[in-house]
Amino acid sequence: MKEPLKQKINIETWNRKNHFLFYKDFADPCFNICSNIDVTTAVDYSKSNKKSIFYTLLYLSNKASNQVKAFKLRIDNNQTVWLFEEIHPSATVLKPDDTFNFCYFRNSDNLNTFIAESEKSAKIAKEELPLSKDRFAKESHSNQIYYSVIPWLAFTSFKHASSGVGLDIPRIVFGKIHQQGDRMMMPVSVEVHHALADGIDIAKYKKCFQDNIEALNIS
């Protein structure tokens, strides 16, 4: 991947200066919010068009992440804050032996293109040795969002394992799609660094995600 485009944030004139300075050195600076997303339209669209519901939702979620400024902010090793022009999803994929591997996807403006390329990437990831340090070093970039998928559980809370590295990268988890009344719901966990984002930013992301789902053209 070529060097991503990014813009340096001037801390001194940033409206989040005091929040950044307050939270940036916390031992545990991240917070997590879980809530349900109504995915009925996405489920119906995927069935009608014979598309993967996971890749459809991943595409719409990543589109939402790119619509929220806070989700594109990162902190480098010099405590400089950068705003990336574009971010990409990285997700866990299940291997045949029920272990998982990391898979690095590429953002696209077109759903069909995203799904086609994602299927190719996932196929490779499923065949490789899991959690390869060499591949992680090559493919892992700051302009990503980390996704996990737990389609067996309609969870109501979530806690990530943490090495203390990359805490500025948002982490999103999709849970089990389940029926509530006449709607299909999916729990979504979002974890962000409090020096870069607040609860209102997670709310903006979830609204954009929901709006993107409802904007699908069902045929």
C-alpha atoms as a PDB file:
ATOM      1  CA  MET A   1       0.000   0.000   0.000  1.00  0.00           C
ATOM      2  CA  LYS A   2       1.328   3.425  -0.917  1.00  0.00           C
ATOM      3  CA  GLU A   3       1.920   6.058   1.755  1.00  0.00           C
ATOM      4  CA  PRO A   4      -1.548   7.222   2.834  1.00  0.00           C
ATOM      5  CA  LEU A   5      -2.523  10.889   2.587  1.00  0.00           C
ATOM      6  CA  LYS A   6      -2.866  12.597   5.948  1.00  0.00           C
ATOM      7  CA  GLN A   7      -3.013  16.043   7.503  1.00  0.00           C
ATOM      8  CA  LYS A   8      -1.284  17.142  10.703  1.00  0.00           C
ATOM      9  CA  ILE A   9      -3.564  18.483  13.420  1.00  0.00           C
ATOM     10  CA  ASN A  10      -2.412  21.697  15.095  1.00  0.00           C
ATOM     11  CA  ILE A  11      -2.870  20.812  18.762  1.00  0.00           C
ATOM     12  CA  GLU A  12      -2.675  24.431  19.898  1.00  0.00           C
ATOM     13  CA  THR A  13      -5.688  25.503  17.837  1.00  0.00           C
ATOM     14  CA  TRP A  14      -7.587  22.210  18.061  1.00  0.00           C
ATOM     15  CA  ASN A  15     -10.915  22.367  19.869  1.00  0.00           C
ATOM     16  CA  ARG A  16     -10.006  19.052  21.518  1.00  0.00           C
ATOM     17  CA  LYS A  17      -6.638  20.272  22.843  1.00  0.00           C
ATOM     18  CA  ASN A  18      -7.589  19.993  26.525  1.00  0.00           C
ATOM     19  CA  HIS A  19      -9.312  16.638  26.036  1.00  0.00           C
ATOM     20  CA  PHE A  20      -6.302  15.286  24.151  1.00  0.00           C
ATOM     21  CA  LEU A  21      -3.854  16.433  26.825  1.00  0.00           C
ATOM     22  CA  PHE A  22      -6.095  15.085  29.587  1.00  0.00           C
ATOM     23  CA  TYR A  23      -6.571  11.560  28.184  1.00  0.00           C
ATOM     24  CA  LYS A  24      -3.502  10.843  26.049  1.00  0.00           C
ATOM     25  CA  ASP A  25      -1.348   9.433  28.855  1.00  0.00           C
ATOM     26  CA  PHE A  26      -4.011   7.355  30.602  1.00  0.00           C
ATOM     27  CA  ALA A  27      -2.955   3.768  31.210  1.00  0.00           C
ATOM     28  CA  ASP A  28      -6.327   2.733  29.775  1.00  0.00           C
ATOM     29  CA  PRO A  29      -7.543   5.612  27.568  1.00  0.00           C
ATOM     30  CA  CYS A  30     -10.182   3.693  25.609  1.00  0.00           C
ATOM     31  CA  PHE A  31     -13.902   3.351  26.180  1.00  0.00           C
ATOM     32  CA  ASN A  32     -16.423   1.041  24.578  1.00  0.00           C
ATOM     33  CA  ILE A  33     -20.112   1.382  23.730  1.00  0.00           C
ATOM     34  CA  CYS A  34     -22.342  -1.486  22.589  1.00  0.00           C
ATOM     35  CA  SER A  35     -25.754  -1.052  20.989  1.00  0.00           C
ATOM     36  CA  ASN A  36     -27.938  -2.688  18.354  1.00  0.00           C
ATOM     37  CA  ILE A  37     -28.106  -1.635  14.713  1.00  0.00           C
ATOM     38  CA  ASP A  38     -31.206  -2.374  12.642  1.00  0.00           C
ATOM     39  CA  VAL A  39     -29.835  -4.403   9.714  1.00  0.00           C
ATOM     40  CA  THR A  40     -33.179  -5.490   8.245  1.00  0.00           C
ATOM     41  CA  THR A  41     -32.680  -3.569   5.002  1.00  0.00           C
ATOM     42  CA  ALA A  42     -29.127  -4.914   4.610  1.00  0.00           C
ATOM     43  CA  VAL A  43     -30.288  -8.503   5.190  1.00  0.00           C
ATOM     44  CA  ASP A  44     -33.096  -8.125   2.642  1.00  0.00           C
ATOM     45  CA  TYR A  45     -30.749  -6.455   0.140  1.00  0.00           C
ATOM     46  CA  SER A  46     -28.111  -9.160   0.494  1.00  0.00           C
ATOM     47  CA  LYS A  47     -30.644 -11.945   0.038  1.00  0.00           C
ATOM     48  CA  SER A  48     -32.299 -10.274  -2.958  1.00  0.00           C
ATOM     49  CA  ASN A  49     -28.974  -9.590  -4.665  1.00  0.00           C
ATOM     50  CA  LYS A  50     -27.199 -12.781  -3.550  1.00  0.00           C
ATOM     51  CA  LYS A  51     -24.429 -10.859  -1.786  1.00  0.00           C
ATOM     52  CA  SER A  52     -22.540 -11.623   1.419  1.00  0.00           C
ATOM     53  CA  ILE A  53     -24.269  -9.935   4.355  1.00  0.00           C
ATOM     54  CA  PHE A  54     -20.930  -9.642   6.150  1.00  0.00           C
ATOM     55  CA  TYR A  55     -19.139  -7.862   3.308  1.00  0.00           C
ATOM     56  CA  THR A  56     -22.170  -5.669   2.699  1.00  0.00           C
ATOM     57  CA  LEU A  57     -22.221  -4.571   6.335  1.00  0.00           C
ATOM     58  CA  LEU A  58     -18.435  -4.198   6.453  1.00  0.00           C
ATOM     59  CA  TYR A  59     -18.588  -1.943   3.382  1.00  0.00           C
ATOM     60  CA  LEU A  60     -21.375   0.197   4.871  1.00  0.00           C
ATOM     61  CA  SER A  61     -19.634   0.393   8.250  1.00  0.00           C
ATOM     62  CA  ASN A  62     -16.335   1.419   6.705  1.00  0.00           C
ATOM     63  CA  LYS A  63     -18.167   4.027   4.649  1.00  0.00           C
ATOM     64  CA  ALA A  64     -19.634   5.370   7.903  1.00  0.00           C
ATOM     65  CA  SER A  65     -16.198   5.422   9.549  1.00  0.00           C
ATOM     66  CA  ASN A  66     -14.894   7.526   6.684  1.00  0.00           C
ATOM     67  CA  GLN A  67     -17.762   9.950   7.277  1.00  0.00           C
ATOM     68  CA  VAL A  68     -16.730  10.640  10.898  1.00  0.00           C
ATOM     69  CA  LYS A  69     -13.614  12.761  11.405  1.00  0.00           C
ATOM     70  CA  ALA A  70     -12.781  11.336  14.834  1.00  0.00           C
ATOM     71  CA  PHE A  71     -12.548   7.808  13.413  1.00  0.00           C
ATOM     72  CA  LYS A  72      -9.795   8.964  11.043  1.00  0.00           C
ATOM     73  CA  LEU A  73      -7.567  10.533  13.711  1.00  0.00           C
ATOM     74  CA  ARG A  74      -4.395   8.769  14.866  1.00  0.00           C
ATOM     75  CA  ILE A  75      -1.538   9.511  17.285  1.00  0.00           C
ATOM     76  CA  ASP A  76       2.029   8.761  16.203  1.00  0.00           C
ATOM     77  CA  ASN A  77       5.013   7.893  18.413  1.00  0.00           C
ATOM     78  CA  ASN A  78       5.835  11.593  18.796  1.00  0.00           C
ATOM     79  CA  GLN A  79       2.366  12.366  20.158  1.00  0.00           C
ATOM     80  CA  THR A  80       1.479  14.123  16.916  1.00  0.00           C
ATOM     81  CA  VAL A  81      -2.139  13.789  15.810  1.00  0.00           C
ATOM     82  CA  TRP A  82      -2.870  13.073  12.148  1.00  0.00           C
ATOM     83  CA  LEU A  83      -6.113  13.108  10.185  1.00  0.00           C
ATOM     84  CA  PHE A  84      -6.089  10.451   7.460  1.00  0.00           C
ATOM     85  CA  GLU A  85      -7.906  11.107   4.207  1.00  0.00           C
ATOM     86  CA  GLU A  86      -9.098   7.520   3.894  1.00  0.00           C
ATOM     87  CA  ILE A  87      -9.290   4.507   6.173  1.00  0.00           C
ATOM     88  CA  HIS A  88      -9.627   0.797   5.436  1.00  0.00           C
ATOM     89  CA  PRO A  89     -11.097  -2.139   7.370  1.00  0.00           C
ATOM     90  CA  SER A  90      -9.088  -5.012   8.812  1.00  0.00           C
ATOM     91  CA  ALA A  91     -11.126  -7.938  10.097  1.00  0.00           C
ATOM     92  CA  THR A  92     -10.854 -11.380  11.617  1.00  0.00           C
ATOM     93  CA  VAL A  93     -11.840 -14.263   9.317  1.00  0.00           C
ATOM     94  CA  LEU A  94     -12.649 -17.790  10.438  1.00  0.00           C
ATOM     95  CA  LYS A  95     -10.363 -20.572   9.209  1.00  0.00           C
ATOM     96  CA  PRO A  96     -11.583 -24.143   8.490  1.00  0.00           C
ATOM     97  CA  ASP A  97     -10.179 -25.363  11.825  1.00  0.00           C
ATOM     98  CA  ASP A  98     -12.196 -22.752  13.795  1.00  0.00           C
ATOM     99  CA  THR A  99      -9.161 -20.571  14.508  1.00  0.00           C
ATOM    100  CA  PHE A 100      -8.982 -17.129  12.945  1.00  0.00           C
ATOM    101  CA  ASN A 101      -6.625 -14.960  10.960  1.00  0.00           C
ATOM    102  CA  PHE A 102      -6.394 -11.243  10.359  1.00  0.00           C
ATOM    103  CA  CYS A 103      -7.444 -10.078   6.905  1.00  0.00           C
ATOM    104  CA  TYR A 104      -6.649  -6.679   5.455  1.00  0.00           C
ATOM    105  CA  PHE A 105      -9.263  -5.194   3.155  1.00  0.00           C
ATOM    106  CA  ARG A 106      -9.225  -2.090   0.953  1.00  0.00           C
ATOM    107  CA  ASN A 107     -11.786   0.685   0.963  1.00  0.00           C
ATOM    108  CA  SER A 108     -13.790   1.197  -2.230  1.00  0.00           C
ATOM    109  CA  ASP A 109     -16.532   3.552  -3.394  1.00  0.00           C
ATOM    110  CA  ASN A 110     -18.310   0.624  -5.050  1.00  0.00           C
ATOM    111  CA  LEU A 111     -19.963  -2.211  -3.121  1.00  0.00           C
ATOM    112  CA  ASN A 112     -19.511  -4.818  -5.835  1.00  0.00           C
ATOM    113  CA  THR A 113     -15.821  -3.989  -6.204  1.00  0.00           C
ATOM    114  CA  PHE A 114     -15.345  -4.090  -2.432  1.00  0.00           C
ATOM    115  CA  ILE A 115     -17.003  -7.501  -2.125  1.00  0.00           C
ATOM    116  CA  ALA A 116     -15.056  -9.003  -5.024  1.00  0.00           C
ATOM    117  CA  GLU A 117     -11.699  -7.812  -3.710  1.00  0.00           C
ATOM    118  CA  SER A 118     -12.568  -8.723  -0.121  1.00  0.00           C
ATOM    119  CA  GLU A 119     -13.433 -12.289  -1.087  1.00  0.00           C
ATOM    120  CA  LYS A 120     -10.013 -12.644  -2.720  1.00  0.00           C
ATOM    121  CA  SER A 121      -8.254 -11.260   0.374  1.00  0.00           C
ATOM    122  CA  ALA A 122     -10.232 -13.493   2.729  1.00  0.00           C
ATOM    123  CA  LYS A 123      -9.442 -16.604   0.693  1.00  0.00           C
ATOM    124  CA  ILE A 124      -5.710 -15.895   1.029  1.00  0.00           C
ATOM    125  CA  ALA A 125      -6.011 -15.145   4.753  1.00  0.00           C
ATOM    126  CA  LYS A 126      -7.876 -18.389   5.399  1.00  0.00           C
ATOM    127  CA  GLU A 127      -5.129 -20.427   3.709  1.00  0.00           C
ATOM    128  CA  GLU A 128      -2.177 -18.746   5.448  1.00  0.00           C
ATOM    129  CA  LEU A 129      -0.703 -19.503   8.845  1.00  0.00           C
ATOM    130  CA  PRO A 130      -2.651 -17.362  11.319  1.00  0.00           C
ATOM    131  CA  LEU A 131      -1.339 -14.203  12.977  1.00  0.00           C
ATOM    132  CA  SER A 132       1.891 -14.044  10.993  1.00  0.00           C
ATOM    133  CA  LYS A 133       4.175 -11.315  12.328  1.00  0.00           C
ATOM    134  CA  ASP A 134       5.672 -10.785   8.872  1.00  0.00           C
ATOM    135  CA  ARG A 135       2.289 -10.239   7.273  1.00  0.00           C
ATOM    136  CA  PHE A 136       1.152  -8.059  10.155  1.00  0.00           C
ATOM    137  CA  ALA A 137       4.228  -5.863   9.744  1.00  0.00           C
ATOM    138  CA  LYS A 138       3.600  -5.602   6.000  1.00  0.00           C
ATOM    139  CA  GLU A 139      -0.163  -5.096   5.989  1.00  0.00           C
ATOM    140  CA  SER A 140      -0.937  -3.324   9.253  1.00  0.00           C
ATOM    141  CA  HIS A 141      -1.213   0.453   8.910  1.00  0.00           C
ATOM    142  CA  SER A 142      -2.509   3.266  11.081  1.00  0.00           C
ATOM    143  CA  ASN A 143      -5.200   4.140   8.554  1.00  0.00           C
ATOM    144  CA  GLN A 144      -7.202   1.031   9.376  1.00  0.00           C
ATOM    145  CA  ILE A 145     -10.044   0.145  11.692  1.00  0.00           C
ATOM    146  CA  TYR A 146      -9.886  -3.223  13.407  1.00  0.00           C
ATOM    147  CA  TYR A 147     -12.981  -5.415  13.115  1.00  0.00           C
ATOM    148  CA  SER A 148     -13.906  -8.637  14.852  1.00  0.00           C
ATOM    149  CA  VAL A 149     -16.936 -10.765  14.025  1.00  0.00           C
ATOM    150  CA  ILE A 150     -18.750 -12.956  16.547  1.00  0.00           C
ATOM    151  CA  PRO A 151     -21.831 -14.147  14.639  1.00  0.00           C
ATOM    152  CA  TRP A 152     -22.763 -16.731  17.278  1.00  0.00           C
ATOM    153  CA  LEU A 153     -23.537 -14.300  20.115  1.00  0.00           C
ATOM    154  CA  ALA A 154     -25.930 -11.367  20.464  1.00  0.00           C
ATOM    155  CA  PHE A 155     -23.633  -9.790  23.055  1.00  0.00           C
ATOM    156  CA  THR A 156     -24.467  -6.762  25.197  1.00  0.00           C
ATOM    157  CA  SER A 157     -20.909  -5.872  26.242  1.00  0.00           C
ATOM    158  CA  PHE A 158     -17.407  -6.497  24.976  1.00  0.00           C
ATOM    159  CA  LYS A 159     -13.810  -6.183  26.169  1.00  0.00           C
ATOM    160  CA  HIS A 160     -10.796  -6.388  23.863  1.00  0.00           C
ATOM    161  CA  ALA A 161      -7.459  -7.981  24.651  1.00  0.00           C
ATOM    162  CA  SER A 162      -4.818  -5.257  24.569  1.00  0.00           C
ATOM    163  CA  SER A 163      -1.051  -5.125  24.213  1.00  0.00           C
ATOM    164  CA  GLY A 164      -1.117  -1.376  24.820  1.00  0.00           C
ATOM    165  CA  VAL A 165      -0.098  -0.739  21.202  1.00  0.00           C
ATOM    166  CA  GLY A 166      -2.344   0.861  18.588  1.00  0.00           C
ATOM    167  CA  LEU A 167      -4.913   2.052  21.094  1.00  0.00           C
ATOM    168  CA  ASP A 168      -5.687   5.036  18.853  1.00  0.00           C
ATOM    169  CA  ILE A 169      -7.141   2.718  16.190  1.00  0.00           C
ATOM    170  CA  PRO A 170     -10.905   2.211  16.627  1.00  0.00           C
ATOM    171  CA  ARG A 171     -12.098  -1.345  17.166  1.00  0.00           C
ATOM    172  CA  ILE A 172     -15.514  -2.447  15.959  1.00  0.00           C
ATOM    173  CA  VAL A 173     -17.195  -5.802  16.620  1.00  0.00           C
ATOM    174  CA  PHE A 174     -20.221  -7.247  14.810  1.00  0.00           C
ATOM    175  CA  GLY A 175     -22.319  -9.742  16.758  1.00  0.00           C
ATOM    176  CA  LYS A 176     -25.115 -12.174  15.918  1.00  0.00           C
ATOM    177  CA  ILE A 177     -27.911 -10.952  13.658  1.00  0.00           C
ATOM    178  CA  HIS A 178     -31.136 -11.810  15.480  1.00  0.00           C
ATOM    179  CA  GLN A 179     -34.822 -11.068  15.180  1.00  0.00           C
ATOM    180  CA  GLN A 180     -36.618  -8.580  17.422  1.00  0.00           C
ATOM    181  CA  GLY A 181     -40.265  -8.366  16.466  1.00  0.00           C
ATOM    182  CA  ASP A 182     -40.331  -7.843  12.709  1.00  0.00           C
ATOM    183  CA  ARG A 183     -36.818  -6.358  12.569  1.00  0.00           C
ATOM    184  CA  MET A 184     -33.366  -7.933  12.250  1.00  0.00           C
ATOM    185  CA  MET A 185     -30.904  -6.480  14.740  1.00  0.00           C
ATOM    186  CA  MET A 186     -27.132  -6.793  15.171  1.00  0.00           C
ATOM    187  CA  PRO A 187     -25.093  -5.778  18.231  1.00  0.00           C
ATOM    188  CA  VAL A 188     -22.179  -3.508  17.361  1.00  0.00           C
ATOM    189  CA  SER A 189     -19.380  -2.746  19.805  1.00  0.00           C
ATOM    190  CA  VAL A 190     -17.244   0.342  19.178  1.00  0.00           C
ATOM    191  CA  GLU A 191     -14.066   1.120  21.119  1.00  0.00           C
ATOM    192  CA  VAL A 192     -12.205   4.406  20.674  1.00  0.00           C
ATOM    193  CA  HIS A 193      -9.369   6.380  22.272  1.00  0.00           C
ATOM    194  CA  HIS A 194     -10.860   9.091  24.497  1.00  0.00           C
ATOM    195  CA  ALA A 195      -8.097  11.562  23.582  1.00  0.00           C
ATOM    196  CA  LEU A 196      -9.431  11.479  20.017  1.00  0.00           C
ATOM    197  CA  ALA A 197     -13.141  10.757  20.325  1.00  0.00           C
ATOM    198  CA  ASP A 198     -16.151  11.057  22.597  1.00  0.00           C
ATOM    199  CA  GLY A 199     -19.505   9.319  22.896  1.00  0.00           C
ATOM    200  CA  ILE A 200     -21.014  11.751  20.403  1.00  0.00           C
ATOM    201  CA  ASP A 201     -18.549  10.516  17.775  1.00  0.00           C
ATOM    202  CA  ILE A 202     -19.660   6.916  18.263  1.00  0.00           C
ATOM    203  CA  ALA A 203     -23.248   8.149  17.951  1.00  0.00           C
ATOM    204  CA  LYS A 204     -22.338   9.916  14.676  1.00  0.00           C
ATOM    205  CA  TYR A 205     -20.762   6.718  13.351  1.00  0.00           C
ATOM    206  CA  LYS A 206     -23.784   4.608  14.261  1.00  0.00           C
ATOM    207  CA  LYS A 207     -26.166   7.119  12.668  1.00  0.00           C
ATOM    208  CA  CYS A 208     -24.078   7.129   9.469  1.00  0.00           C
ATOM    209  CA  PHE A 209     -23.980   3.304   9.520  1.00  0.00           C
ATOM    210  CA  GLN A 210     -27.763   3.132   9.933  1.00  0.00           C
ATOM    211  CA  ASP A 211     -28.326   5.763   7.227  1.00  0.00           C
ATOM    212  CA  ASN A 212     -26.035   3.868   4.840  1.00  0.00           C
ATOM    213  CA  ILE A 213     -27.993   0.677   5.461  1.00  0.00           C
ATOM    214  CA  GLU A 214     -31.334   2.371   4.816  1.00  0.00           C
ATOM    215  CA  ALA A 215     -29.982   3.946   1.617  1.00  0.00           C
ATOM    216  CA  LEU A 216     -29.442   0.522   0.012  1.00  0.00           C
ATOM    217  CA  ASN A 217     -31.437   0.094  -3.155  1.00  0.00           C
ATOM    218  CA  ILE A 218     -33.386  -3.155  -2.737  1.00  0.00           C
ATOM    219  CA  SER A 219     -34.337  -4.748  -6.026  1.00  0.00           C
END
